[in-house]
Amino acid sequence: RRLRENRELFPEEVIVWEDNRELVGLGETTE
């Protein structure tokens, strides 16, 4: 239940860019 809840709350919390830098907590962003 907790895993599913967290996926629903933060579906795009972690974004990994091509240069392997990680941005956390951005959610959905525009291009």
All heavy atoms as atom14 arrays in JSON, in Angstrom:
{
  "sequence": "RRLRENRELFPEEVIVWEDNRELVGLGETTE",
  "atom14_mask": [
    [1, 1, 1, 1, 1, 1, 1, 1, 1, 1, 1, 0, 0, 0],
    [1, 1, 1, 1, 1, 1, 1, 1, 1, 1, 1, 0, 0, 0],
    [1, 1, 1, 1, 1, 1, 1, 1, 0, 0, 0, 0, 0, 0],
    [1, 1, 1, 1, 1, 1, 1, 1, 1, 1, 1, 0, 0, 0],
    [1, 1, 1, 1, 1, 1, 1, 1, 1, 0, 0, 0, 0, 0],
    [1, 1, 1, 1, 1, 1, 1, 1, 0, 0, 0, 0, 0, 0],
    [1, 1, 1, 1, 1, 1, 1, 1, 1, 1, 1, 0, 0, 0],
    [1, 1, 1, 1, 1, 1, 1, 1, 1, 0, 0, 0, 0, 0],
    [1, 1, 1, 1, 1, 1, 1, 1, 0, 0, 0, 0, 0, 0],
    [1, 1, 1, 1, 1, 1, 1, 1, 1, 1, 1, 0, 0, 0],
    [1, 1, 1, 1, 1, 1, 1, 0, 0, 0, 0, 0, 0, 0],
    [1, 1, 1, 1, 1, 1, 1, 1, 1, 0, 0, 0, 0, 0],
    [1, 1, 1, 1, 1, 1, 1, 1, 1, 0, 0, 0, 0, 0],
    [1, 1, 1, 1, 1, 1, 1, 0, 0, 0, 0, 0, 0, 0],
    [1, 1, 1, 1, 1, 1, 1, 1, 0, 0, 0, 0, 0, 0],
    [1, 1, 1, 1, 1, 1, 1, 0, 0, 0, 0, 0, 0, 0],
    [1, 1, 1, 1, 1, 1, 1, 1, 1, 1, 1, 1, 1, 1],
    [1, 1, 1, 1, 1, 1, 1, 1, 1, 0, 0, 0, 0, 0],
    [1, 1, 1, 1, 1, 1, 1, 1, 0, 0, 0, 0, 0, 0],
    [1, 1, 1, 1, 1, 1, 1, 1, 0, 0, 0, 0, 0, 0],
    [1, 1, 1, 1, 1, 1, 1, 1, 1, 1, 1, 0, 0, 0],
    [1, 1, 1, 1, 1, 1, 1, 1, 1, 0, 0, 0, 0, 0],
    [1, 1, 1, 1, 1, 1, 1, 1, 0, 0, 0, 0, 0, 0],
    [1, 1, 1, 1, 1, 1, 1, 0, 0, 0, 0, 0, 0, 0],
    [1, 1, 1, 1, 0, 0, 0, 0, 0, 0, 0, 0, 0, 0],
    [1, 1, 1, 1, 1, 1, 1, 1, 0, 0, 0, 0, 0, 0],
    [1, 1, 1, 1, 0, 0, 0, 0, 0, 0, 0, 0, 0, 0],
    [1, 1, 1, 1, 1, 1, 1, 1, 1, 0, 0, 0, 0, 0],
    [1, 1, 1, 1, 1, 1, 1, 0, 0, 0, 0, 0, 0, 0],
    [1, 1, 1, 1, 1, 1, 1, 0, 0, 0, 0, 0, 0, 0],
    [1, 1, 1, 1, 1, 1, 1, 1, 1, 0, 0, 0, 0, 0]
  ],
  "atom14_positions": [
    [[0.83, -1.2, 0.0], [0.0, 0.0, 0.0], [0.87, 1.26, 0.0], [0.63, 2.18, -0.77], [-0.94, -0.01, 1.2], [-1.97, 1.12, 1.15], [-2.94, 1.08, 2.32], [-2.27, 1.53, 3.53], [-1.99, 0.77, 4.59], [-2.32, -0.49, 4.61], [-1.37, 1.26, 5.64], [0.0, 0.0, 0.0], [0.0, 0.0, 0.0], [0.0, 0.0, 0.0]],
    [[1.9, 1.29, 0.82], [2.77, 2.46, 0.9], [3.52, 2.69, -0.42], [3.64, 3.82, -0.87], [3.77, 2.31, 2.05], [3.12, 2.29, 3.42], [2.48, 3.59, 3.78], [3.51, 4.61, 3.78], [3.31, 5.9, 3.79], [2.09, 6.37, 3.84], [4.29, 6.76, 3.78], [0.0, 0.0, 0.0], [0.0, 0.0, 0.0], [0.0, 0.0, 0.0]],
    [[3.99, 1.61, -1.03], [4.68, 1.76, -2.31], [3.75, 2.34, -3.37], [4.13, 3.23, -4.12], [5.23, 0.42, -2.79], [6.48, -0.09, -2.08], [6.78, -1.52, -2.5], [7.67, 0.81, -2.36], [0.0, 0.0, 0.0], [0.0, 0.0, 0.0], [0.0, 0.0, 0.0], [0.0, 0.0, 0.0], [0.0, 0.0, 0.0], [0.0, 0.0, 0.0]],
    [[2.52, 1.84, -3.41], [1.56, 2.35, -4.4], [1.16, 3.79, -4.11], [1.06, 4.62, -5.02], [0.34, 1.44, -4.45], [0.62, 0.14, -5.17], [-0.63, -0.73, -5.3], [-0.32, -1.94, -5.99], [0.17, -3.04, -5.42], [0.38, -3.08, -4.12], [0.44, -4.12, -6.14], [0.0, 0.0, 0.0], [0.0, 0.0, 0.0], [0.0, 0.0, 0.0]],
    [[0.94, 4.11, -2.84], [0.59, 5.47, -2.46], [1.7, 6.43, -2.84], [1.44, 7.51, -3.38], [0.33, 5.57, -0.96], [-0.97, 4.96, -0.51], [-1.1, 4.9, 1.01], [-0.16, 5.29, 1.73], [-2.16, 4.44, 1.48], [0.0, 0.0, 0.0], [0.0, 0.0, 0.0], [0.0, 0.0, 0.0], [0.0, 0.0, 0.0], [0.0, 0.0, 0.0]],
    [[2.92, 6.06, -2.57], [4.05, 6.94, -2.87], [4.22, 7.11, -4.38], [4.58, 8.19, -4.83], [5.34, 6.41, -2.25], [5.36, 6.66, -0.76], [4.69, 7.55, -0.25], [6.12, 5.85, -0.04], [0.0, 0.0, 0.0], [0.0, 0.0, 0.0], [0.0, 0.0, 0.0], [0.0, 0.0, 0.0], [0.0, 0.0, 0.0], [0.0, 0.0, 0.0]],
    [[3.96, 6.09, -5.15], [4.05, 6.21, -6.6], [2.98, 7.16, -7.11], [3.21, 7.92, -8.04], [3.88, 4.85, -7.27], [5.09, 3.98, -7.11], [4.91, 2.75, -7.88], [5.82, 2.87, -9.02], [5.99, 1.94, -9.91], [5.29, 0.83, -9.84], [6.83, 2.09, -10.88], [0.0, 0.0, 0.0], [0.0, 0.0, 0.0], [0.0, 0.0, 0.0]],
    [[1.78, 7.11, -6.51], [0.71, 7.99, -6.94], [0.99, 9.44, -6.54], [0.69, 10.36, -7.28], [-0.62, 7.53, -6.35], [-1.09, 6.21, -6.94], [-2.24, 5.59, -6.16], [-2.77, 6.22, -5.23], [-2.6, 4.45, -6.49], [0.0, 0.0, 0.0], [0.0, 0.0, 0.0], [0.0, 0.0, 0.0], [0.0, 0.0, 0.0], [0.0, 0.0, 0.0]],
    [[1.59, 9.64, -5.36], [1.88, 10.99, -4.91], [3.04, 11.63, -5.66], [3.03, 12.82, -5.93], [2.22, 10.97, -3.41], [1.06, 10.69, -2.46], [1.58, 10.59, -1.03], [0.0, 11.77, -2.55], [0.0, 0.0, 0.0], [0.0, 0.0, 0.0], [0.0, 0.0, 0.0], [0.0, 0.0, 0.0], [0.0, 0.0, 0.0], [0.0, 0.0, 0.0]],
    [[4.04, 10.83, -5.97], [5.25, 11.36, -6.57], [5.63, 10.58, -7.83], [6.7, 10.0, -7.92], [6.41, 11.28, -5.56], [6.09, 11.9, -4.25], [5.82, 11.1, -3.14], [6.03, 13.27, -4.11], [5.52, 11.67, -1.93], [5.73, 13.85, -2.88], [5.46, 13.05, -1.79], [0.0, 0.0, 0.0], [0.0, 0.0, 0.0], [0.0, 0.0, 0.0]],
    [[4.75, 10.59, -8.83], [5.02, 9.77, -10.01], [6.27, 10.19, -10.78], [6.9, 9.38, -11.42], [3.77, 9.93, -10.86], [3.18, 11.22, -10.42], [3.54, 11.35, -8.97], [0.0, 0.0, 0.0], [0.0, 0.0, 0.0], [0.0, 0.0, 0.0], [0.0, 0.0, 0.0], [0.0, 0.0, 0.0], [0.0, 0.0, 0.0], [0.0, 0.0, 0.0]],
    [[6.63, 11.45, -10.72], [7.8, 11.91, -11.46], [8.72, 12.7, -10.55], [9.26, 13.72, -10.91], [7.35, 12.75, -12.64], [6.46, 11.94, -13.56], [6.45, 12.46, -14.96], [7.38, 13.17, -15.35], [5.48, 12.15, -15.66], [0.0, 0.0, 0.0], [0.0, 0.0, 0.0], [0.0, 0.0, 0.0], [0.0, 0.0, 0.0], [0.0, 0.0, 0.0]],
    [[8.92, 12.2, -9.35], [9.74, 12.91, -8.38], [11.21, 12.97, -8.79], [11.88, 13.95, -8.59], [9.61, 12.25, -7.01], [10.42, 12.95, -5.96], [10.32, 12.25, -4.64], [10.36, 11.02, -4.61], [10.22, 12.96, -3.63], [0.0, 0.0, 0.0], [0.0, 0.0, 0.0], [0.0, 0.0, 0.0], [0.0, 0.0, 0.0], [0.0, 0.0, 0.0]],
    [[11.71, 11.91, -9.38], [13.12, 11.85, -9.74], [13.25, 11.86, -11.26], [12.67, 11.04, -11.94], [13.79, 10.59, -9.16], [15.24, 10.52, -9.59], [13.66, 10.58, -7.65], [0.0, 0.0, 0.0], [0.0, 0.0, 0.0], [0.0, 0.0, 0.0], [0.0, 0.0, 0.0], [0.0, 0.0, 0.0], [0.0, 0.0, 0.0], [0.0, 0.0, 0.0]],
    [[14.01, 12.8, -11.76], [14.27, 12.88, -13.19], [15.77, 12.73, -13.38], [16.56, 13.45, -12.77], [13.8, 14.23, -13.77], [12.3, 14.4, -13.53], [14.14, 14.33, -15.25], [11.78, 15.78, -13.86], [0.0, 0.0, 0.0], [0.0, 0.0, 0.0], [0.0, 0.0, 0.0], [0.0, 0.0, 0.0], [0.0, 0.0, 0.0], [0.0, 0.0, 0.0]],
    [[16.18, 11.82, -14.22], [17.6, 11.63, -14.5], [17.86, 12.13, -15.91], [17.26, 11.66, -16.88], [18.01, 10.14, -14.37], [19.48, 9.97, -14.67], [17.68, 9.64, -12.97], [0.0, 0.0, 0.0], [0.0, 0.0, 0.0], [0.0, 0.0, 0.0], [0.0, 0.0, 0.0], [0.0, 0.0, 0.0], [0.0, 0.0, 0.0], [0.0, 0.0, 0.0]],
    [[18.77, 13.1, -16.03], [19.09, 13.69, -17.32], [20.16, 12.86, -18.0], [20.81, 12.01, -17.41], [19.57, 15.13, -17.13], [18.54, 15.95, -16.44], [18.52, 16.29, -15.13], [17.34, 16.47, -16.99], [17.39, 17.01, -14.84], [16.64, 17.14, -15.97], [16.78, 16.46, -18.27], [15.44, 17.78, -16.18], [15.58, 17.11, -18.46], [14.92, 17.76, -17.43]],
    [[20.37, 13.12, -19.3], [21.33, 12.34, -20.08], [22.73, 12.38, -19.5], [23.48, 11.42, -19.62], [21.35, 12.82, -21.53], [20.12, 12.38, -22.29], [20.17, 12.8, -23.74], [21.27, 13.01, -24.26], [19.09, 12.91, -24.35], [0.0, 0.0, 0.0], [0.0, 0.0, 0.0], [0.0, 0.0, 0.0], [0.0, 0.0, 0.0], [0.0, 0.0, 0.0]],
    [[23.12, 13.47, -18.85], [24.47, 13.56, -18.27], [24.53, 12.93, -16.88], [25.48, 13.12, -16.14], [24.97, 15.0, -18.24], [24.14, 15.89, -17.32], [23.16, 15.41, -16.73], [24.49, 17.07, -17.19], [0.0, 0.0, 0.0], [0.0, 0.0, 0.0], [0.0, 0.0, 0.0], [0.0, 0.0, 0.0], [0.0, 0.0, 0.0], [0.0, 0.0, 0.0]],
    [[23.46, 12.17, -16.53], [23.36, 11.43, -15.26], [23.2, 12.31, -14.03], [23.3, 11.84, -12.92], [24.55, 10.48, -15.07], [24.49, 9.34, -16.05], [23.42, 8.89, -16.43], [25.64, 8.9, -16.5], [0.0, 0.0, 0.0], [0.0, 0.0, 0.0], [0.0, 0.0, 0.0], [0.0, 0.0, 0.0], [0.0, 0.0, 0.0], [0.0, 0.0, 0.0]],
    [[22.97, 13.63, -14.23], [22.65, 14.46, -13.08], [21.22, 14.16, -12.69], [20.36, 13.94, -13.54], [22.77, 15.94, -13.42], [24.19, 16.39, -13.56], [24.29, 17.89, -13.7], [23.49, 18.34, -14.82], [22.78, 19.47, -14.82], [22.77, 20.25, -13.77], [22.08, 19.82, -15.87], [0.0, 0.0, 0.0], [0.0, 0.0, 0.0], [0.0, 0.0, 0.0]],
    [[20.95, 14.17, -11.42], [19.61, 13.83, -10.93], [18.98, 15.06, -10.31], [19.58, 15.73, -9.47], [19.73, 12.71, -9.89], [18.42, 12.08, -9.53], [18.62, 10.89, -8.63], [18.8, 9.77, -9.13], [18.59, 11.11, -7.41], [0.0, 0.0, 0.0], [0.0, 0.0, 0.0], [0.0, 0.0, 0.0], [0.0, 0.0, 0.0], [0.0, 0.0, 0.0]],
    [[17.79, 15.39, -10.74], [17.03, 16.49, -10.15], [15.86, 15.88, -9.4], [15.09, 15.12, -9.97], [16.55, 17.45, -11.24], [17.65, 18.08, -12.08], [17.04, 18.94, -13.19], [18.57, 18.92, -11.22], [0.0, 0.0, 0.0], [0.0, 0.0, 0.0], [0.0, 0.0, 0.0], [0.0, 0.0, 0.0], [0.0, 0.0, 0.0], [0.0, 0.0, 0.0]],
    [[15.71, 16.23, -8.15], [14.7, 15.61, -7.31], [13.6, 16.61, -6.99], [13.86, 17.78, -6.71], [15.33, 15.11, -5.99], [14.28, 14.48, -5.09], [16.45, 14.13, -6.29], [0.0, 0.0, 0.0], [0.0, 0.0, 0.0], [0.0, 0.0, 0.0], [0.0, 0.0, 0.0], [0.0, 0.0, 0.0], [0.0, 0.0, 0.0], [0.0, 0.0, 0.0]],
    [[12.36, 16.14, -7.03], [11.22, 16.93, -6.58], [10.69, 17.91, -7.61], [9.99, 18.83, -7.25], [0.0, 0.0, 0.0], [0.0, 0.0, 0.0], [0.0, 0.0, 0.0], [0.0, 0.0, 0.0], [0.0, 0.0, 0.0], [0.0, 0.0, 0.0], [0.0, 0.0, 0.0], [0.0, 0.0, 0.0], [0.0, 0.0, 0.0], [0.0, 0.0, 0.0]],
    [[11.01, 17.73, -8.86], [10.54, 18.68, -9.87], [9.12, 18.44, -10.31], [8.45, 19.35, -10.73], [11.46, 18.65, -11.09], [12.87, 19.16, -10.89], [13.64, 19.05, -12.19], [12.85, 20.6, -10.42], [0.0, 0.0, 0.0], [0.0, 0.0, 0.0], [0.0, 0.0, 0.0], [0.0, 0.0, 0.0], [0.0, 0.0, 0.0], [0.0, 0.0, 0.0]],
    [[8.69, 17.21, -10.29], [7.37, 16.91, -10.83], [7.4, 17.12, -12.32], [8.43, 17.05, -12.96], [0.0, 0.0, 0.0], [0.0, 0.0, 0.0], [0.0, 0.0, 0.0], [0.0, 0.0, 0.0], [0.0, 0.0, 0.0], [0.0, 0.0, 0.0], [0.0, 0.0, 0.0], [0.0, 0.0, 0.0], [0.0, 0.0, 0.0], [0.0, 0.0, 0.0]],
    [[6.26, 17.41, -12.9], [6.21, 17.62, -14.34], [6.68, 19.03, -14.67], [6.32, 19.99, -14.0], [4.79, 17.39, -14.86], [4.37, 15.94, -14.74], [3.1, 15.67, -15.49], [2.85, 16.33, -16.53], [2.34, 14.82, -15.03], [0.0, 0.0, 0.0], [0.0, 0.0, 0.0], [0.0, 0.0, 0.0], [0.0, 0.0, 0.0], [0.0, 0.0, 0.0]],
    [[7.5, 19.14, -15.7], [7.99, 20.44, -16.13], [7.78, 20.56, -17.63], [7.6, 19.58, -18.33], [9.5, 20.59, -15.82], [10.2, 19.54, -16.49], [9.77, 20.52, -14.33], [0.0, 0.0, 0.0], [0.0, 0.0, 0.0], [0.0, 0.0, 0.0], [0.0, 0.0, 0.0], [0.0, 0.0, 0.0], [0.0, 0.0, 0.0], [0.0, 0.0, 0.0]],
    [[7.88, 21.81, -18.1], [7.79, 22.01, -19.54], [9.17, 21.81, -20.15], [10.17, 21.78, -19.45], [7.3, 23.44, -19.86], [8.31, 24.35, -19.43], [5.97, 23.73, -19.18], [0.0, 0.0, 0.0], [0.0, 0.0, 0.0], [0.0, 0.0, 0.0], [0.0, 0.0, 0.0], [0.0, 0.0, 0.0], [0.0, 0.0, 0.0], [0.0, 0.0, 0.0]],
    [[9.22, 21.71, -21.46], [10.51, 21.53, -22.14], [11.42, 22.72, -21.87], [12.61, 22.57, -21.65], [10.27, 21.34, -23.63], [11.49, 20.84, -24.36], [11.15, 20.47, -25.79], [10.16, 19.76, -26.01], [11.9, 20.92, -26.68], [0.0, 0.0, 0.0], [0.0, 0.0, 0.0], [0.0, 0.0, 0.0], [0.0, 0.0, 0.0], [0.0, 0.0, 0.0]]
  ]
}
